[in-house]
Amino acid sequence: NTAATNYRWVTIQDVCYFTNGLDVPKKYDGTTLSDVGGTPGVSIDLVSHKDRLWLLNNDGKVVYSDPAAYETFGVTSFVYAFPPKSADQAFRITVFQDNVVGWSKNDKAVISGSDISNIVNRQSTASHGVVGPDALVKYGNYVYFIGKDDIYSFNGGSDQGMGIKIDRILEN
């Protein structure tokens, strides 16, 4: 799509899966470019975790494939990172400490589990959000991100402000 400006991709078993927020996810196997099967919906982000393809749709729904079947999406194989139609929607997902973390401007959601019978979504105990989808990076046991008023490190349970006050810079 010529209007797309933000691409995300992940490689699983020599196949590159990618999304751009405007089209259904695509895959490229080295010779053929095609749509991801299984009608997962238009997605803005994707990750590989626990032998599944996880997709973040435009509406905040996190859809996950069957194990090792990256184009098979069950009708109940989804969870909302945040309540549907809420003002604060997830715009990024990352894999961190054996969980999928949904990020929004005001909060984080932690999705844990390995099977449809035990996948659970909970609000993170750390309550700072990230200013944009590219304003975070994982390094070691932390995710460093730019919040509304500071740069934070997230250790999976809490956010620690680093004391770098950036609100004036962001406002400008």
N, C-alpha and C. Protein backbone atom coordinates (compact mmCIF):
# COMPACT_ATOMS: atom_id res chain seq x y z
N ASN A 1 0.85 -1.17 0.00
CA ASN A 1 0.00 0.00 0.00
C ASN A 1 0.90 1.23 0.00
N THR A 2 0.73 2.10 -0.96
CA THR A 2 1.58 3.28 -1.07
C THR A 2 1.35 4.29 0.06
N ALA A 3 0.21 4.21 0.75
CA ALA A 3 -0.06 5.11 1.87
C ALA A 3 0.55 4.63 3.18
N ALA A 4 1.03 3.40 3.23
CA ALA A 4 1.58 2.84 4.47
C ALA A 4 2.90 3.50 4.81
N THR A 5 3.07 3.82 6.08
CA THR A 5 4.31 4.45 6.54
C THR A 5 4.97 3.70 7.69
N ASN A 6 4.26 2.75 8.28
CA ASN A 6 4.80 2.06 9.45
C ASN A 6 4.66 0.55 9.26
N TYR A 7 5.75 -0.12 9.07
CA TYR A 7 5.75 -1.57 8.89
C TYR A 7 6.34 -2.26 10.10
N ARG A 8 5.81 -3.42 10.44
CA ARG A 8 6.36 -4.29 11.48
C ARG A 8 6.50 -5.67 10.85
N TRP A 9 7.53 -6.40 11.24
CA TRP A 9 7.72 -7.73 10.68
C TRP A 9 8.36 -8.66 11.68
N VAL A 10 8.17 -9.96 11.42
CA VAL A 10 8.76 -11.01 12.23
C VAL A 10 9.03 -12.18 11.28
N THR A 11 10.14 -12.88 11.51
CA THR A 11 10.46 -14.04 10.70
C THR A 11 10.26 -15.31 11.53
N ILE A 12 9.49 -16.24 10.97
CA ILE A 12 9.21 -17.52 11.62
C ILE A 12 9.47 -18.62 10.59
N GLN A 13 10.37 -19.52 10.89
CA GLN A 13 10.70 -20.64 10.02
C GLN A 13 10.93 -20.20 8.57
N ASP A 14 11.81 -19.24 8.39
CA ASP A 14 12.22 -18.73 7.08
C ASP A 14 11.11 -18.04 6.29
N VAL A 15 10.04 -17.66 6.94
CA VAL A 15 8.97 -16.89 6.30
C VAL A 15 8.87 -15.56 7.03
N CYS A 16 8.88 -14.48 6.26
CA CYS A 16 8.76 -13.14 6.83
C CYS A 16 7.29 -12.74 6.81
N TYR A 17 6.72 -12.51 7.98
CA TYR A 17 5.35 -12.02 8.13
C TYR A 17 5.45 -10.53 8.43
N PHE A 18 4.60 -9.74 7.80
CA PHE A 18 4.67 -8.31 8.08
C PHE A 18 3.30 -7.66 7.96
N THR A 19 3.20 -6.49 8.56
CA THR A 19 1.95 -5.75 8.57
C THR A 19 2.26 -4.26 8.46
N ASN A 20 1.27 -3.50 8.00
CA ASN A 20 1.50 -2.06 7.81
C ASN A 20 0.37 -1.19 8.36
N GLY A 21 -0.63 -1.79 8.97
CA GLY A 21 -1.73 -1.02 9.55
C GLY A 21 -2.83 -0.66 8.59
N LEU A 22 -2.63 -0.92 7.30
CA LEU A 22 -3.65 -0.59 6.30
C LEU A 22 -4.17 -1.81 5.55
N ASP A 23 -3.37 -2.85 5.50
CA ASP A 23 -3.73 -4.06 4.77
C ASP A 23 -3.75 -5.25 5.73
N VAL A 24 -4.34 -6.35 5.26
CA VAL A 24 -4.23 -7.58 6.04
C VAL A 24 -2.76 -7.98 6.07
N PRO A 25 -2.32 -8.70 7.08
CA PRO A 25 -0.91 -9.11 7.16
C PRO A 25 -0.50 -9.90 5.91
N LYS A 26 0.76 -9.73 5.55
CA LYS A 26 1.34 -10.40 4.39
C LYS A 26 2.43 -11.35 4.85
N LYS A 27 2.84 -12.24 3.92
CA LYS A 27 3.97 -13.12 4.18
C LYS A 27 4.81 -13.22 2.91
N TYR A 28 6.10 -13.40 3.13
CA TYR A 28 7.03 -13.55 2.01
C TYR A 28 7.95 -14.70 2.34
N ASP A 29 7.97 -15.71 1.48
CA ASP A 29 8.76 -16.92 1.74
C ASP A 29 10.07 -16.96 0.96
N GLY A 30 10.46 -15.86 0.38
CA GLY A 30 11.69 -15.80 -0.41
C GLY A 30 11.41 -15.78 -1.90
N THR A 31 10.23 -16.22 -2.30
CA THR A 31 9.85 -16.20 -3.71
C THR A 31 8.46 -15.62 -3.93
N THR A 32 7.55 -15.84 -2.99
CA THR A 32 6.15 -15.44 -3.20
C THR A 32 5.67 -14.52 -2.08
N LEU A 33 5.02 -13.44 -2.48
CA LEU A 33 4.36 -12.52 -1.54
C LEU A 33 2.87 -12.81 -1.58
N SER A 34 2.26 -13.03 -0.40
CA SER A 34 0.83 -13.31 -0.36
C SER A 34 0.25 -12.85 0.97
N ASP A 35 -1.08 -12.81 1.03
CA ASP A 35 -1.78 -12.47 2.27
C ASP A 35 -1.65 -13.64 3.25
N VAL A 36 -1.59 -13.32 4.54
CA VAL A 36 -1.66 -14.36 5.56
C VAL A 36 -3.07 -14.93 5.53
N GLY A 37 -3.18 -16.24 5.54
CA GLY A 37 -4.48 -16.90 5.49
C GLY A 37 -5.20 -16.82 6.83
N GLY A 38 -6.43 -17.27 6.83
CA GLY A 38 -7.19 -17.35 8.07
C GLY A 38 -7.92 -16.09 8.46
N THR A 39 -7.98 -15.08 7.63
CA THR A 39 -8.69 -13.81 7.87
C THR A 39 -8.43 -13.21 9.26
N PRO A 40 -7.18 -12.88 9.57
CA PRO A 40 -6.89 -12.30 10.89
C PRO A 40 -7.28 -10.84 11.03
N GLY A 41 -7.58 -10.14 9.96
CA GLY A 41 -7.94 -8.72 10.02
C GLY A 41 -6.75 -7.82 9.80
N VAL A 42 -7.03 -6.55 9.54
CA VAL A 42 -5.97 -5.56 9.34
C VAL A 42 -5.25 -5.37 10.67
N SER A 43 -3.92 -5.42 10.62
CA SER A 43 -3.12 -5.38 11.86
C SER A 43 -2.10 -4.26 11.82
N ILE A 44 -1.76 -3.78 13.01
CA ILE A 44 -0.76 -2.72 13.13
C ILE A 44 0.55 -3.21 13.73
N ASP A 45 0.55 -4.40 14.32
CA ASP A 45 1.78 -4.93 14.91
C ASP A 45 1.67 -6.45 14.98
N LEU A 46 2.82 -7.11 15.12
CA LEU A 46 2.84 -8.56 15.22
C LEU A 46 4.10 -9.02 15.92
N VAL A 47 4.01 -10.16 16.60
CA VAL A 47 5.15 -10.78 17.26
C VAL A 47 5.01 -12.29 17.15
N SER A 48 6.11 -12.98 17.38
CA SER A 48 6.11 -14.44 17.47
C SER A 48 6.36 -14.78 18.94
N HIS A 49 5.48 -15.64 19.50
CA HIS A 49 5.62 -16.01 20.91
C HIS A 49 4.93 -17.34 21.14
N LYS A 50 5.61 -18.24 21.83
CA LYS A 50 5.08 -19.56 22.19
C LYS A 50 4.59 -20.31 20.95
N ASP A 51 5.40 -20.25 19.89
CA ASP A 51 5.12 -20.97 18.64
C ASP A 51 3.81 -20.53 18.00
N ARG A 52 3.45 -19.26 18.21
CA ARG A 52 2.24 -18.68 17.61
C ARG A 52 2.59 -17.34 16.98
N LEU A 53 1.78 -16.94 16.02
CA LEU A 53 1.84 -15.59 15.47
C LEU A 53 0.78 -14.78 16.18
N TRP A 54 1.19 -13.68 16.80
CA TRP A 54 0.27 -12.78 17.52
C TRP A 54 0.15 -11.50 16.71
N LEU A 55 -1.08 -11.07 16.46
CA LEU A 55 -1.34 -9.87 15.67
C LEU A 55 -2.17 -8.88 16.48
N LEU A 56 -1.78 -7.62 16.43
CA LEU A 56 -2.55 -6.56 17.07
C LEU A 56 -3.35 -5.86 15.98
N ASN A 57 -4.66 -6.02 16.02
CA ASN A 57 -5.53 -5.41 15.03
C ASN A 57 -5.75 -3.93 15.33
N ASN A 58 -6.27 -3.22 14.35
CA ASN A 58 -6.52 -1.78 14.49
C ASN A 58 -7.47 -1.45 15.63
N ASP A 59 -8.34 -2.38 15.99
CA ASP A 59 -9.34 -2.12 17.04
C ASP A 59 -8.87 -2.54 18.43
N GLY A 60 -7.58 -2.88 18.59
CA GLY A 60 -7.05 -3.27 19.89
C GLY A 60 -7.19 -4.74 20.21
N LYS A 61 -7.75 -5.51 19.30
CA LYS A 61 -7.90 -6.95 19.50
C LYS A 61 -6.55 -7.63 19.20
N VAL A 62 -6.12 -8.50 20.10
CA VAL A 62 -4.91 -9.29 19.89
C VAL A 62 -5.35 -10.68 19.48
N VAL A 63 -5.05 -11.03 18.24
CA VAL A 63 -5.43 -12.32 17.66
C VAL A 63 -4.20 -13.21 17.65
N TYR A 64 -4.35 -14.47 18.02
CA TYR A 64 -3.20 -15.37 18.01
C TYR A 64 -3.54 -16.65 17.24
N SER A 65 -2.52 -17.17 16.55
CA SER A 65 -2.71 -18.36 15.73
C SER A 65 -2.66 -19.61 16.58
N ASP A 66 -3.01 -20.72 15.95
CA ASP A 66 -2.84 -22.02 16.58
C ASP A 66 -1.34 -22.31 16.68
N PRO A 67 -0.91 -23.14 17.61
CA PRO A 67 0.52 -23.47 17.72
C PRO A 67 1.06 -24.07 16.42
N ALA A 68 2.14 -23.52 15.92
CA ALA A 68 2.85 -23.97 14.73
C ALA A 68 1.99 -23.93 13.47
N ALA A 69 0.84 -23.32 13.52
CA ALA A 69 -0.03 -23.13 12.36
C ALA A 69 -0.28 -21.63 12.24
N TYR A 70 0.69 -20.92 11.68
CA TYR A 70 0.73 -19.46 11.75
C TYR A 70 -0.32 -18.76 10.91
N GLU A 71 -1.15 -19.53 10.19
CA GLU A 71 -2.23 -18.94 9.41
C GLU A 71 -3.57 -19.54 9.77
N THR A 72 -3.65 -20.13 10.96
CA THR A 72 -4.90 -20.69 11.45
C THR A 72 -5.29 -19.94 12.72
N PHE A 73 -6.40 -19.22 12.63
CA PHE A 73 -6.86 -18.39 13.74
C PHE A 73 -8.25 -18.87 14.14
N GLY A 74 -8.38 -19.43 15.32
CA GLY A 74 -9.68 -19.90 15.80
C GLY A 74 -10.62 -18.73 16.05
N VAL A 75 -11.92 -18.97 16.00
CA VAL A 75 -12.89 -17.90 16.20
C VAL A 75 -12.83 -17.32 17.61
N THR A 76 -12.29 -18.07 18.58
CA THR A 76 -12.17 -17.56 19.95
C THR A 76 -10.71 -17.31 20.33
N SER A 77 -9.82 -17.30 19.36
CA SER A 77 -8.39 -17.10 19.63
C SER A 77 -8.03 -15.62 19.59
N PHE A 78 -8.57 -14.88 20.50
CA PHE A 78 -8.26 -13.46 20.60
C PHE A 78 -8.53 -12.98 22.02
N VAL A 79 -7.94 -11.85 22.33
CA VAL A 79 -8.18 -11.16 23.59
C VAL A 79 -7.99 -9.67 23.31
N TYR A 80 -8.75 -8.84 23.96
CA TYR A 80 -8.55 -7.40 23.82
C TYR A 80 -7.52 -6.95 24.83
N ALA A 81 -6.51 -6.20 24.38
CA ALA A 81 -5.50 -5.69 25.30
C ALA A 81 -6.15 -4.75 26.31
N PHE A 82 -7.06 -3.91 25.84
CA PHE A 82 -7.83 -3.00 26.68
C PHE A 82 -9.30 -3.16 26.29
N PRO A 83 -10.23 -2.74 27.11
CA PRO A 83 -11.64 -2.95 26.78
C PRO A 83 -11.99 -2.40 25.38
N PRO A 84 -12.81 -3.14 24.63
CA PRO A 84 -13.19 -2.67 23.30
C PRO A 84 -13.82 -1.28 23.35
N LYS A 85 -13.52 -0.49 22.37
CA LYS A 85 -14.08 0.85 22.20
C LYS A 85 -13.68 1.82 23.32
N SER A 86 -12.68 1.47 24.13
CA SER A 86 -12.22 2.43 25.13
C SER A 86 -11.38 3.50 24.43
N ALA A 87 -11.23 4.62 25.07
CA ALA A 87 -10.49 5.73 24.47
C ALA A 87 -8.99 5.40 24.34
N ASP A 88 -8.49 4.54 25.20
CA ASP A 88 -7.07 4.19 25.21
C ASP A 88 -6.89 2.81 24.59
N GLN A 89 -6.42 2.75 23.36
CA GLN A 89 -6.24 1.48 22.66
C GLN A 89 -4.77 1.16 22.49
N ALA A 90 -4.45 -0.12 22.49
CA ALA A 90 -3.08 -0.57 22.28
C ALA A 90 -2.64 -0.24 20.85
N PHE A 91 -1.39 0.18 20.71
CA PHE A 91 -0.85 0.43 19.38
C PHE A 91 0.48 -0.28 19.17
N ARG A 92 0.89 -1.06 20.16
CA ARG A 92 2.13 -1.82 20.04
C ARG A 92 2.06 -3.04 20.94
N ILE A 93 2.63 -4.16 20.50
CA ILE A 93 2.78 -5.33 21.36
C ILE A 93 4.24 -5.76 21.31
N THR A 94 4.72 -6.24 22.45
CA THR A 94 6.07 -6.76 22.55
C THR A 94 6.04 -8.05 23.37
N VAL A 95 7.03 -8.88 23.15
CA VAL A 95 7.20 -10.06 23.99
C VAL A 95 8.21 -9.69 25.06
N PHE A 96 7.82 -9.88 26.31
CA PHE A 96 8.69 -9.51 27.42
C PHE A 96 8.41 -10.44 28.60
N GLN A 97 9.46 -11.09 29.10
CA GLN A 97 9.39 -11.98 30.25
C GLN A 97 8.28 -13.03 30.10
N ASP A 98 8.28 -13.70 28.97
CA ASP A 98 7.35 -14.79 28.67
C ASP A 98 5.90 -14.35 28.61
N ASN A 99 5.65 -13.08 28.31
CA ASN A 99 4.32 -12.53 28.15
C ASN A 99 4.27 -11.69 26.88
N VAL A 100 3.08 -11.43 26.40
CA VAL A 100 2.87 -10.43 25.36
C VAL A 100 2.35 -9.19 26.06
N VAL A 101 3.02 -8.07 25.88
CA VAL A 101 2.63 -6.82 26.54
C VAL A 101 2.03 -5.89 25.49
N GLY A 102 0.80 -5.43 25.76
CA GLY A 102 0.15 -4.44 24.91
C GLY A 102 0.40 -3.05 25.47
N TRP A 103 0.84 -2.15 24.63
CA TRP A 103 1.20 -0.79 25.05
C TRP A 103 0.22 0.22 24.48
N SER A 104 -0.16 1.19 25.31
CA SER A 104 -0.99 2.31 24.87
C SER A 104 -0.36 3.60 25.42
N LYS A 105 -1.01 4.71 25.16
CA LYS A 105 -0.47 5.98 25.64
C LYS A 105 -0.55 6.12 27.16
N ASN A 106 -1.49 5.41 27.79
CA ASN A 106 -1.70 5.59 29.21
C ASN A 106 -1.45 4.36 30.08
N ASP A 107 -1.20 3.21 29.48
CA ASP A 107 -1.14 2.00 30.30
C ASP A 107 -0.45 0.86 29.56
N LYS A 108 -0.39 -0.29 30.23
CA LYS A 108 0.13 -1.53 29.66
C LYS A 108 -0.81 -2.66 30.05
N ALA A 109 -0.96 -3.64 29.16
CA ALA A 109 -1.72 -4.85 29.44
C ALA A 109 -0.79 -6.03 29.26
N VAL A 110 -0.85 -6.99 30.16
CA VAL A 110 0.02 -8.16 30.12
C VAL A 110 -0.83 -9.37 29.79
N ILE A 111 -0.51 -10.01 28.67
CA ILE A 111 -1.23 -11.20 28.23
C ILE A 111 -0.32 -12.39 28.45
N SER A 112 -0.76 -13.31 29.29
CA SER A 112 0.07 -14.47 29.62
C SER A 112 -0.69 -15.76 29.35
N GLY A 113 0.05 -16.85 29.24
CA GLY A 113 -0.55 -18.15 29.00
C GLY A 113 -0.04 -18.76 27.72
N SER A 114 -0.34 -20.03 27.53
CA SER A 114 0.19 -20.73 26.36
C SER A 114 -0.88 -21.45 25.56
N ASP A 115 -2.11 -21.44 26.04
CA ASP A 115 -3.18 -22.18 25.38
C ASP A 115 -4.47 -21.41 25.57
N ILE A 116 -5.41 -21.61 24.68
CA ILE A 116 -6.69 -20.89 24.76
C ILE A 116 -7.37 -21.07 26.11
N SER A 117 -7.10 -22.19 26.77
CA SER A 117 -7.73 -22.45 28.07
C SER A 117 -7.10 -21.66 29.21
N ASN A 118 -5.87 -21.14 29.01
CA ASN A 118 -5.23 -20.42 30.12
C ASN A 118 -4.65 -19.06 29.74
N ILE A 119 -4.97 -18.55 28.56
CA ILE A 119 -4.50 -17.21 28.19
C ILE A 119 -5.31 -16.18 28.96
N VAL A 120 -4.60 -15.33 29.68
CA VAL A 120 -5.22 -14.36 30.57
C VAL A 120 -4.66 -12.97 30.24
N ASN A 121 -5.53 -11.99 30.27
CA ASN A 121 -5.14 -10.60 30.08
C ASN A 121 -5.37 -9.85 31.39
N ARG A 122 -4.35 -9.11 31.82
CA ARG A 122 -4.52 -8.31 33.04
C ARG A 122 -3.85 -6.96 32.84
N GLN A 123 -4.35 -5.99 33.55
CA GLN A 123 -3.73 -4.68 33.52
C GLN A 123 -2.41 -4.77 34.26
N SER A 124 -1.39 -4.15 33.72
CA SER A 124 -0.09 -4.16 34.36
C SER A 124 -0.13 -3.39 35.67
N THR A 125 0.65 -3.83 36.64
CA THR A 125 0.77 -3.10 37.89
C THR A 125 1.55 -1.81 37.69
N ALA A 126 2.34 -1.76 36.65
CA ALA A 126 3.05 -0.53 36.28
C ALA A 126 2.14 0.26 35.35
N SER A 127 1.85 1.50 35.69
CA SER A 127 0.75 2.19 35.02
C SER A 127 1.14 3.33 34.08
N HIS A 128 2.37 3.36 33.62
CA HIS A 128 2.73 4.41 32.66
C HIS A 128 2.65 3.87 31.24
N GLY A 129 2.17 4.71 30.34
CA GLY A 129 2.10 4.35 28.94
C GLY A 129 3.27 4.93 28.18
N VAL A 130 3.29 4.66 26.90
CA VAL A 130 4.37 5.10 26.02
C VAL A 130 3.78 6.11 25.02
N VAL A 131 4.58 7.10 24.64
CA VAL A 131 4.06 8.17 23.80
C VAL A 131 3.79 7.75 22.36
N GLY A 132 4.43 6.70 21.89
CA GLY A 132 4.21 6.25 20.51
C GLY A 132 4.78 4.86 20.30
N PRO A 133 4.42 4.22 19.19
CA PRO A 133 4.83 2.84 18.96
C PRO A 133 6.34 2.63 18.81
N ASP A 134 7.07 3.66 18.46
CA ASP A 134 8.51 3.52 18.30
C ASP A 134 9.30 4.11 19.46
N ALA A 135 8.63 4.43 20.55
CA ALA A 135 9.27 5.08 21.69
C ALA A 135 9.61 4.09 22.80
N LEU A 136 9.92 2.84 22.43
CA LEU A 136 10.34 1.86 23.44
C LEU A 136 11.35 0.92 22.82
N VAL A 137 12.18 0.35 23.71
CA VAL A 137 13.18 -0.62 23.28
C VAL A 137 13.41 -1.61 24.41
N LYS A 138 13.53 -2.89 24.06
CA LYS A 138 13.86 -3.92 25.04
C LYS A 138 15.37 -4.06 25.08
N TYR A 139 15.90 -4.17 26.29
CA TYR A 139 17.32 -4.41 26.44
C TYR A 139 17.52 -5.16 27.75
N GLY A 140 18.00 -6.37 27.65
CA GLY A 140 18.19 -7.19 28.85
C GLY A 140 16.87 -7.48 29.53
N ASN A 141 16.82 -7.23 30.82
CA ASN A 141 15.62 -7.50 31.61
C ASN A 141 14.71 -6.29 31.76
N TYR A 142 14.84 -5.33 30.88
CA TYR A 142 14.05 -4.10 30.98
C TYR A 142 13.51 -3.70 29.62
N VAL A 143 12.41 -2.95 29.66
CA VAL A 143 11.94 -2.21 28.50
C VAL A 143 12.09 -0.75 28.88
N TYR A 144 12.81 -0.02 28.07
CA TYR A 144 12.98 1.41 28.28
C TYR A 144 12.01 2.12 27.33
N PHE A 145 11.29 3.10 27.87
CA PHE A 145 10.30 3.77 27.03
C PHE A 145 10.13 5.23 27.45
N ILE A 146 9.64 6.01 26.50
CA ILE A 146 9.36 7.41 26.75
C ILE A 146 7.90 7.54 27.14
N GLY A 147 7.67 8.00 28.34
CA GLY A 147 6.31 8.25 28.83
C GLY A 147 5.95 9.71 28.63
N LYS A 148 4.83 10.11 29.19
CA LYS A 148 4.36 11.50 29.03
C LYS A 148 5.29 12.51 29.68
N ASP A 149 5.97 12.10 30.76
CA ASP A 149 6.73 13.08 31.53
C ASP A 149 8.16 12.67 31.86
N ASP A 150 8.57 11.48 31.46
CA ASP A 150 9.89 10.99 31.85
C ASP A 150 10.26 9.83 30.93
N ILE A 151 11.49 9.42 31.01
CA ILE A 151 11.92 8.17 30.38
C ILE A 151 11.91 7.13 31.49
N TYR A 152 11.29 5.97 31.23
CA TYR A 152 11.09 4.95 32.25
C TYR A 152 11.77 3.65 31.86
N SER A 153 12.06 2.86 32.90
CA SER A 153 12.45 1.47 32.69
C SER A 153 11.36 0.62 33.32
N PHE A 154 10.94 -0.40 32.58
CA PHE A 154 9.89 -1.31 33.03
C PHE A 154 10.53 -2.67 33.25
N ASN A 155 10.36 -3.23 34.45
CA ASN A 155 10.99 -4.51 34.78
C ASN A 155 10.00 -5.67 34.79
N GLY A 156 8.79 -5.44 34.30
CA GLY A 156 7.77 -6.47 34.29
C GLY A 156 6.76 -6.29 35.41
N GLY A 157 7.12 -5.55 36.45
CA GLY A 157 6.22 -5.33 37.57
C GLY A 157 6.03 -3.87 37.92
N SER A 158 7.06 -3.06 37.65
CA SER A 158 6.94 -1.65 37.98
C SER A 158 7.72 -0.80 36.97
N ASP A 159 7.34 0.47 36.92
CA ASP A 159 8.05 1.45 36.11
C ASP A 159 8.94 2.27 37.03
N GLN A 160 10.15 2.51 36.60
CA GLN A 160 11.06 3.36 37.36
C GLN A 160 11.44 4.54 36.49
N GLY A 161 11.03 5.74 36.93
CA GLY A 161 11.42 6.95 36.21
C GLY A 161 12.93 7.13 36.29
N MET A 162 13.52 7.53 35.18
CA MET A 162 14.97 7.69 35.15
C MET A 162 15.38 9.13 35.46
N GLY A 163 14.38 9.99 35.73
CA GLY A 163 14.70 11.36 36.12
C GLY A 163 15.06 12.26 34.96
N ILE A 164 14.75 11.82 33.78
CA ILE A 164 15.05 12.64 32.60
C ILE A 164 13.74 13.29 32.19
N LYS A 165 13.49 14.45 32.72
CA LYS A 165 12.22 15.12 32.48
C LYS A 165 12.19 15.65 31.05
N ILE A 166 11.21 15.18 30.31
CA ILE A 166 11.18 15.51 28.89
C ILE A 166 9.87 16.16 28.47
N ASP A 167 9.00 16.47 29.42
CA ASP A 167 7.69 16.98 29.04
C ASP A 167 7.79 18.25 28.20
N ARG A 168 8.71 19.13 28.52
CA ARG A 168 8.85 20.38 27.74
C ARG A 168 9.32 20.07 26.32
N ILE A 169 10.22 19.11 26.18
CA ILE A 169 10.69 18.71 24.85
C ILE A 169 9.55 18.14 24.03
N LEU A 170 8.74 17.28 24.64
CA LEU A 170 7.60 16.69 23.92
C LEU A 170 6.56 17.73 23.56
N GLU A 171 6.32 18.68 24.45
CA GLU A 171 5.36 19.73 24.14
C GLU A 171 5.81 20.56 22.95
N ASN A 172 7.13 20.80 22.86
CA ASN A 172 7.65 21.59 21.73
C ASN A 172 7.61 20.77 20.45
